[in-house]
Protein backbone atom coordinates (compact mmCIF):
# COMPACT_ATOMS: atom_id res chain seq x y z
CA MET A 1 -1.41 -1.71 -45.17
CA ARG A 2 1.79 -3.48 -44.14
CA HIS A 3 1.17 -5.42 -40.95
CA GLY A 4 2.11 -3.52 -37.82
CA SER A 5 2.54 -0.14 -39.53
CA ASN A 6 0.61 2.68 -41.18
CA ASP A 7 2.47 2.26 -44.47
CA ASP A 8 0.59 1.36 -47.63
CA ASP A 9 1.47 -2.10 -48.92
CA VAL A 10 2.74 -1.07 -52.35
CA THR A 11 3.14 -4.71 -53.43
CA SER A 12 -0.61 -5.29 -53.09
CA TRP A 13 -1.86 -2.22 -54.94
CA SER A 14 -3.10 -3.56 -58.29
CA TYR A 15 -5.59 -0.83 -59.16
CA HIS A 16 -5.29 1.38 -62.22
CA GLN A 17 -5.33 4.53 -60.11
CA SER A 18 -2.25 6.02 -58.46
CA LEU A 19 -1.74 4.71 -54.91
CA ASP A 20 -0.55 8.10 -53.63
CA GLU A 21 -3.64 9.88 -54.97
CA TRP A 22 -6.35 7.27 -54.46
CA SER A 23 -5.51 5.08 -51.44
CA THR A 24 -7.43 7.45 -49.14
CA GLN A 25 -10.50 7.67 -51.41
CA SER A 26 -13.40 5.32 -52.15
CA PHE A 27 -13.95 4.29 -55.76
CA TYR A 28 -15.60 1.56 -57.82
CA THR A 29 -13.17 -0.71 -59.61
CA ASP A 30 -12.95 -3.74 -61.90
CA ARG A 31 -10.86 -5.85 -59.50
CA PHE A 32 -10.04 -6.43 -55.85
CA VAL A 33 -6.82 -7.31 -54.07
CA GLY A 34 -6.79 -10.88 -52.82
CA ALA A 35 -4.55 -9.98 -49.88
CA GLY A 36 -7.49 -8.32 -48.13
CA HIS A 37 -11.15 -8.32 -49.10
CA LEU A 38 -14.74 -8.96 -48.06
CA ILE A 39 -17.28 -10.59 -50.38
CA ARG A 40 -21.01 -10.89 -49.83
CA ARG A 41 -21.92 -14.56 -49.47
CA VAL A 42 -24.89 -14.19 -51.83
CA ALA A 43 -22.60 -12.78 -54.52
CA PHE A 44 -19.92 -15.42 -54.03
CA ASP A 45 -22.39 -18.31 -54.10
CA SER A 46 -24.36 -16.97 -57.05
CA ILE A 47 -21.39 -17.37 -59.42
CA GLY A 48 -20.05 -20.60 -57.96
CA GLY A 49 -17.08 -19.15 -56.11
CA TYR A 50 -13.47 -19.42 -57.24
CA ASP A 51 -12.24 -21.37 -60.24
CA ALA A 52 -10.14 -24.19 -58.74
CA THR A 53 -7.89 -24.14 -61.82
CA LEU A 54 -6.55 -20.80 -60.62
CA PHE A 55 -5.18 -22.07 -57.31
CA PHE A 56 -2.33 -19.54 -57.38
CA LEU A 57 -2.37 -16.06 -58.97
CA HIS A 58 -5.19 -14.16 -60.71
CA GLU A 59 -8.02 -16.09 -59.08
CA GLU A 60 -9.42 -12.77 -57.86
CA VAL A 61 -9.22 -11.31 -61.39
CA ASP A 62 -11.41 -14.12 -62.67
CA LEU A 63 -13.83 -13.76 -59.75
CA SER A 64 -14.02 -10.00 -60.28
CA LYS A 65 -14.93 -10.39 -63.95
CA ARG A 66 -17.67 -12.89 -63.17
CA LEU A 67 -19.07 -10.80 -60.31
CA ILE A 68 -19.33 -7.77 -62.60
CA ASN A 69 -21.00 -9.87 -65.30
CA ALA A 70 -23.53 -10.92 -62.66
CA ASN A 71 -24.20 -7.20 -62.07
CA PHE A 72 -22.39 -6.85 -58.74
CA LYS A 73 -20.04 -3.94 -58.07
CA LEU A 74 -16.59 -3.82 -56.50
CA LEU A 75 -15.79 -1.01 -54.08
CA TYR A 76 -12.39 -0.01 -52.76
CA THR A 77 -12.69 1.86 -49.47
CA PRO A 78 -9.99 3.13 -47.08
CA GLU A 79 -12.46 2.75 -44.20
CA VAL A 80 -11.59 -0.95 -44.00
CA VAL A 81 -7.94 -1.49 -43.06
CA ILE A 82 -6.25 -4.88 -43.28
CA GLY A 83 -2.69 -5.54 -42.11
CA HIS A 84 -0.90 -7.66 -44.72
CA LYS A 85 2.05 -9.77 -43.56
CA VAL A 86 4.30 -9.59 -46.60
CA SER A 87 6.56 -12.65 -46.87
CA GLN A 88 10.25 -11.81 -46.66
CA GLU A 89 11.30 -15.32 -47.69
CA HIS A 90 10.00 -15.04 -51.27
CA ARG A 91 8.65 -18.57 -50.92
CA VAL A 92 7.41 -18.50 -54.51
CA ALA A 93 9.87 -16.26 -56.34
CA TRP A 94 9.56 -15.21 -59.99
CA THR A 95 12.50 -17.46 -60.79
CA ALA A 96 11.10 -20.39 -58.77
CA GLY A 97 7.78 -20.90 -60.56
CA ARG A 98 5.79 -17.74 -59.93
CA TRP A 99 6.27 -16.44 -63.48
CA VAL A 100 5.17 -19.79 -64.93
CA PHE A 101 1.88 -19.58 -63.01
CA ASP A 102 1.49 -15.92 -63.94
CA VAL A 103 1.81 -16.62 -67.67
CA ARG A 104 -0.24 -19.84 -67.44
CA ASN A 105 -3.16 -18.20 -65.68
CA ARG A 106 -3.23 -15.05 -67.78
CA THR A 107 -3.29 -17.16 -70.93
CA TYR A 108 -6.08 -19.31 -69.53
CA LEU A 109 -8.13 -16.24 -68.55
CA HIS A 110 -7.89 -14.79 -72.07
CA MET A 111 -9.41 -18.01 -73.40
CA LYS A 112 -11.95 -18.44 -70.61
CA HIS A 113 -13.29 -14.90 -70.88
CA LYS A 114 -13.06 -14.81 -74.69
CA THR A 115 -10.85 -11.73 -74.79
CA PHE A 116 -11.13 -9.89 -78.10
CA PHE A 117 -8.51 -11.71 -80.21
CA PRO A 118 -6.31 -8.70 -81.17
CA THR A 119 -6.37 -7.58 -77.53
CA ALA A 120 -5.40 -11.07 -76.32
CA VAL A 121 -2.53 -11.22 -78.84
CA PHE A 122 -1.25 -7.78 -77.79
CA HIS A 123 -1.34 -8.56 -74.07
CA THR A 124 0.27 -11.94 -74.65
CA TRP A 125 3.06 -10.20 -76.58
CA LEU A 126 3.54 -7.80 -73.66
CA MET A 127 3.76 -10.75 -71.28
CA VAL A 128 6.28 -12.60 -73.44
CA HIS A 129 8.31 -9.41 -73.86
CA LYS A 130 8.40 -8.88 -70.08
CA GLY A 131 9.50 -12.48 -69.50
CA PHE A 132 12.22 -12.42 -72.14
CA LYS A 133 13.39 -8.97 -71.02
CA SER A 134 13.79 -10.44 -67.53
CA GLY A 135 15.77 -13.39 -68.87
CA LEU A 136 13.03 -15.93 -68.08
CA TYR A 137 12.86 -17.55 -71.51
CA GLY A 138 12.10 -21.11 -70.37
CA PRO A 139 9.49 -20.18 -67.72
CA THR A 140 7.73 -17.88 -70.21
CA LEU A 141 7.39 -20.60 -72.85
CA THR A 142 6.45 -23.18 -70.20
CA GLY A 143 3.72 -20.93 -68.88
CA LEU A 144 2.34 -20.36 -72.38
CA CYS A 145 2.25 -24.09 -73.10
CA LYS A 146 0.54 -24.83 -69.78
CA GLY A 147 -1.95 -22.03 -70.39
CA PHE A 148 -2.91 -23.17 -73.88
CA GLY A 149 -3.19 -26.69 -72.49
CA LEU A 150 -6.14 -25.47 -70.43
CA PHE A 151 -8.19 -24.68 -73.53
CA PRO A 152 -10.51 -27.68 -72.95
CA LYS A 153 -11.28 -26.34 -69.45
CA ALA A 154 -12.04 -22.94 -70.93
CA ILE A 155 -14.49 -24.51 -73.39
CA LYS A 156 -16.26 -26.37 -70.58
CA SER A 157 -16.62 -23.13 -68.61
CA TRP A 158 -18.25 -21.44 -71.63
CA GLN A 159 -20.91 -24.12 -71.59
CA LYS A 160 -21.76 -24.10 -67.89
CA ASP A 161 -20.93 -20.66 -66.46
CA PRO A 162 -23.48 -17.91 -67.30
CA ALA A 163 -21.33 -15.38 -65.39
CA LEU A 164 -18.90 -15.38 -68.33
CA THR A 165 -21.41 -13.49 -70.45
CA VAL A 166 -20.76 -9.73 -70.51
CA ASN A 167 -24.11 -7.91 -70.59
CA GLU A 168 -24.71 -4.25 -71.40
CA GLN A 169 -24.80 -3.25 -67.73
CA ALA A 170 -21.44 -4.92 -67.14
CA LYS A 171 -19.95 -3.24 -70.23
CA GLN A 172 -21.05 0.17 -68.98
CA TYR A 173 -19.65 -0.50 -65.52
CA LEU A 174 -16.30 -1.60 -66.96
CA ASP A 175 -16.18 1.48 -69.21
CA ASP A 176 -16.81 3.72 -66.21
CA CYS A 177 -13.97 2.01 -64.27
CA SER A 178 -11.51 1.96 -67.16
CA PRO A 179 -8.40 4.18 -66.81
CA THR A 180 -8.20 4.37 -70.62
CA GLN A 181 -11.66 5.84 -71.12
CA GLY A 182 -11.44 8.62 -73.69
CA MET A 183 -8.00 7.51 -74.94
CA SER A 184 -7.37 6.49 -78.53
CA ILE A 185 -6.14 2.99 -79.41
CA VAL A 186 -2.67 4.40 -80.14
CA GLU A 187 -2.56 6.13 -76.77
CA ARG A 188 -3.64 2.92 -75.02
CA VAL A 189 -0.97 0.87 -76.79
CA LYS A 190 1.73 3.41 -75.92
CA MET A 191 0.67 3.41 -72.27
CA ARG A 192 0.73 -0.40 -72.02
CA VAL A 193 4.15 -0.64 -73.70
CA ARG A 194 5.57 2.15 -71.53
CA ASN A 195 4.41 0.44 -68.34
CA ASN A 196 5.65 -3.01 -69.36
CA GLY A 197 8.88 -3.12 -67.34
CA SER A 198 11.04 -6.02 -66.21
CA LEU A 199 10.23 -8.28 -63.26
CA PRO A 200 11.73 -7.34 -59.83
CA LEU A 201 14.32 -10.14 -59.90
CA ALA A 202 17.04 -8.07 -58.23
CA LYS A 203 14.96 -7.88 -55.07
CA GLU A 204 14.74 -11.66 -54.90
CA ASN A 205 18.51 -11.91 -55.13
CA GLY A 206 19.12 -9.49 -52.30
CA GLY A 207 19.25 -6.30 -54.37
CA ASP A 208 17.35 -3.09 -53.67
CA LYS A 209 15.38 -2.73 -56.88
């Protein structure tokens, strides 16, 4: 929740489920929100902790994937409440480098986790489309170049990190958590395209969007 209030912190809700419907329920998920979480030490240590390459943005996505591959589960529960102090200064705005890191790290994660190639291409296209639609042409291309430049690191991680291997138990868990379970490929593509809006740049510039 937002620090000092009983309002849900909308900016930190990254789950597939609707915040209005699910914020008061417990459910298993494929990710956690870095703004507020608890991790068992044994789980954290067993997969070697965070990837230092992801020092800003999506480090929890990578950790979540590896925890699930190591047969741990992620639980969202409203019983644990954390007050999140949301920065009003926009210290790392989308136009001041945040989008570059976003694109860089997403690209790196596709390579590191060996995303199914057509899926990686589609999600990269969505990312580029979002960046261009928001007018961030240079940052989008810079992020892609920086991301692809991390390919050697991705290869090294394949060789030394067993938590990158998706076993059958992990596949079943991810299927159970997936919001697209039961949907056709066409329906999934339509949903992703429909939800691929522009970045909230107006808010950074003092607007109300």
